[in-house]
Amino acid sequence: MKQGTRLAIVYFWYFACIGAFQPYFSLYLESLALSAPRIALLMSLGQLIRLFAPLFWGWLADHLGHRARIIGGASAAALVCFLPLFWLRDFAGLFVALVILHFFWSASLPLIDALTLGHLATHPERYGRIRLWGSIGFIVAVLAVGALLDAWPIEAMLWSSCALLLGALLSVRGLREARHPVQHSILHMGQVLCQRKVVVLLAAGFFMIAAHGVLYVFYSIHLAAHGYGKTVIGLLWALGVVAEIGVFLLMPRLTARVSLRTSLLVCFALAAARFALIGWAAEMFVLLLLAQLLHGASFGAHHALTMGALHRWFAPAQQARAQALYGSVAYGGGGLCGALLAGALWDAAGPALSFSAAALLALVGWMLVRHGIPLEPEGTAVR
């Protein structure tokens, strides 16, 4: 089997796990009678761990050169660490179990991305065509589990997630390490990190993922409060990922014609519009559909553009650390701050103002890109 096909399968199973777990775990926690701040804290633990764990895994992978083996070992450990969730009901126990689970689970994605971009070598624009299989996996899982939960108790999402974790573990067998050519006269990692465009890209990523915090924690609860069933909630999550897939397919054409700066500005502007719609128009189903279609910009395009920039700006031997650093800053720091902000605002200010705060965070990211990313073609080598 070709390496590209293997990577596509790995993405499929990895994001299928997320599709079964992320949209419904907050509903499971709500069924345990936990308060909104406690739900937000537990849901944000993944982001908290991603502040530091990916940096450890990235450093280990770049120094040992065994990214595929680390992915397999960490996936096995994550499966074992998931099992206590079946019997834990108290906040403290769930807190400890989720911290350990996320420590191992956080290893995989930055290393998978590094393997994929290393495999693509001089064609990073093709990243989206492999990564889209992760989006397909998410759609399949979120729809299947949503339909399942309309017929079965909410605990069924735990069984579904566990089964998919096993699939993710089996899928990493046979992954090969990317071969890197010998390079000379490249900048030291610290020198690259000091460049303004790199700092701004990381900071903008922080605000974009922070803006998504309220979505990832309270979107399903928000929709359920407006009378939407779990199947419809699953369909809305899936619609966003369908838009994401469409964007991934279009990225090679987009990046050949539009600069990185312009593309990112559009992403952040549409993200702000999306969160405002979700907050203020949840009872208008057509506008909810539009808001979910904008996920293609707020996540899909932004993610692909950022991955492409990191691939160009960092040397092959630095890729695992670069991906891990972005994961720590954006998904760790940004995701944690966004989730905690959502937890603080949700009961005190209400859903509309919580999503309005998310829109403001996206606009901060827009301003950073506007003043910090240079005007250059997306395909230009900048190292």
Foldseek 3Di string as FASTA:
>chain_A
DDLLVLLLQLLLLLLLLVLLDQLQVLVVLVVLVDALLLLLQLSQLLLQLLLPLLLVLLVVCLVVVPLLVLLLVLLVQLLVLLVVVLPDRDSVVSNVSSNSNSSSSVNHPLSSLLQLCLQCPLCLLLVLVSNLSSLVSSLVNLLVNLVVVVPDPSSVSSVSSSVSSVSSSVSSPPNDGRDADDDPDDDDPVVLCPALQNVLLLVLLLLLLLLCQLVSRCVSVLLVVLPDGSNVVSVLLSLLSVLLSVLSVCRVVCLQPAALLVLLLVLLLLLLVLLLCVLPPSNPVVSSSVSSSSSNRSPRSSVSLSSLVLSLSDGSSCSSSSSSNSSSRNSNNSNSNSSSLSSVCPVPPHRNVNSNVSSVSSVVSSVSSVPGHDGDRSSDRDD
